[in-house]
Protein backbone atom coordinates (compact mmCIF):
# COMPACT_ATOMS: atom_id res chain seq x y z
CA UNK A 1 2.33 3.90 -17.90
CA UNK A 2 1.27 1.03 -15.69
CA UNK A 3 3.28 -2.14 -15.62
CA UNK A 4 2.58 -5.65 -14.46
CA UNK A 5 3.96 -4.87 -11.00
CA UNK A 6 0.81 -2.85 -10.26
CA UNK A 7 -1.35 -5.89 -10.94
CA UNK A 8 1.00 -8.14 -8.97
CA UNK A 9 0.69 -5.71 -6.06
CA UNK A 10 -3.09 -5.93 -6.27
CA UNK A 11 -3.04 -9.74 -6.42
CA UNK A 12 -2.73 -10.19 -2.65
CA UNK A 13 -6.03 -10.05 -0.70
CA UNK A 14 -4.63 -7.97 2.19
CA UNK A 15 -3.21 -5.38 -0.21
CA UNK A 16 -6.51 -5.22 -2.11
CA UNK A 17 -8.37 -4.77 1.16
CA UNK A 18 -6.01 -1.98 2.23
CA UNK A 19 -6.78 -0.19 -1.05
CA UNK A 20 -10.49 -0.68 -0.46
CA UNK A 21 -10.27 0.77 3.05
CA UNK A 22 -8.23 3.73 1.85
CA UNK A 23 -11.03 4.68 -0.54
CA UNK A 24 -12.77 6.04 2.57
CA UNK A 25 -9.84 8.36 3.30
CA UNK A 26 -6.39 8.41 4.91
CA UNK A 27 -5.70 5.87 7.65
CA UNK A 28 -2.81 5.15 9.99
CA UNK A 29 -1.20 1.72 10.22
CA UNK A 30 -2.91 1.27 13.59
CA UNK A 31 -6.33 2.06 12.16
CA UNK A 32 -5.77 -0.47 9.38
CA UNK A 33 -4.12 -3.15 11.55
CA UNK A 34 -7.29 -3.79 13.56
CA UNK A 35 -8.85 -5.35 10.46
CA UNK A 36 -6.16 -8.00 10.00
CA UNK A 37 -4.66 -10.82 12.00
CA UNK A 38 -1.28 -9.09 11.70
CA UNK A 39 0.79 -6.82 13.90
CA UNK A 40 1.33 -3.21 12.88
CA UNK A 41 4.98 -3.91 11.97
CA UNK A 42 3.85 -6.81 9.74
CA UNK A 43 1.78 -4.39 7.69
CA UNK A 44 4.93 -2.57 6.60
CA UNK A 45 5.44 -5.17 3.85
CA UNK A 46 2.05 -4.64 2.16
CA UNK A 47 2.48 -0.86 2.53
CA UNK A 48 5.94 -1.05 0.93
CA UNK A 49 4.65 -3.02 -2.05
CA UNK A 50 1.73 -0.63 -2.60
CA UNK A 51 3.97 2.44 -2.24
CA UNK A 52 6.54 0.98 -4.64
CA UNK A 53 3.95 0.91 -7.46
CA UNK A 54 2.47 4.29 -6.42
CA UNK A 55 -0.96 2.92 -5.48
CA UNK A 56 -0.61 4.59 -2.07
CA UNK A 57 1.50 7.34 -0.54
CA UNK A 58 2.31 8.21 3.04
CA UNK A 59 2.04 11.58 4.78
CA UNK A 60 3.53 12.25 8.20
CA UNK A 61 1.58 14.36 10.69
CA UNK A 62 3.48 14.60 13.95
CA UNK A 63 3.99 11.08 15.29
CA UNK A 64 1.50 9.54 12.88
CA UNK A 65 1.92 8.36 9.31
CA UNK A 66 -1.25 8.49 7.25
CA UNK A 67 -1.59 6.26 4.21
CA UNK A 68 -3.57 7.59 1.27
CA UNK A 69 -4.89 6.02 -1.90
CA UNK A 70 -3.21 7.53 -4.96
CA UNK A 71 -6.37 8.28 -6.93
CA UNK A 72 -4.47 9.11 -10.12
CA UNK A 73 -2.92 5.65 -10.34
CA UNK A 74 -6.10 3.92 -9.11
CA UNK A 75 -8.07 5.66 -11.86
CA UNK A 76 -5.49 4.60 -14.44
CA UNK A 77 -5.76 0.97 -13.29
CA UNK A 78 -9.55 1.11 -13.39
CA UNK A 79 -9.51 2.61 -16.88
CA UNK A 80 -7.12 -0.07 -18.12
CA UNK A 81 -9.28 -2.89 -16.73
CA UNK A 82 -12.46 -1.36 -18.15
CA UNK A 83 -10.80 -0.97 -21.57
CA UNK A 84 -9.70 -4.59 -21.41
CA UNK A 85 -13.30 -5.73 -20.95
CA UNK A 86 -14.80 -3.15 -23.30
CA UNK A 87 -16.67 -1.25 -20.60
CA UNK A 88 -17.36 2.42 -21.29
CA UNK A 89 -16.30 4.71 -18.45
CA UNK A 90 -18.89 7.28 -17.43
CA UNK A 91 -17.64 10.85 -17.25
């Protein structure tokens, strides 16, 4: 069950943009950092918040960590918002 922390995590524009970019597929911190006026280490905070509420997960491949959108949780959030506004979800 989702809690308010998921919506708090999505409240920040950088975290929302990270989620949007991860819709395209897994990305490393370096690949994401070029889109923000932040250093790669500074992105660890948004990643931590998103991982804490299971919106993203990390996978290590050698020296690289790839961040992935957790589609199960993202779908649950989308369904909840659509239900809130009375929008039928297409199957």
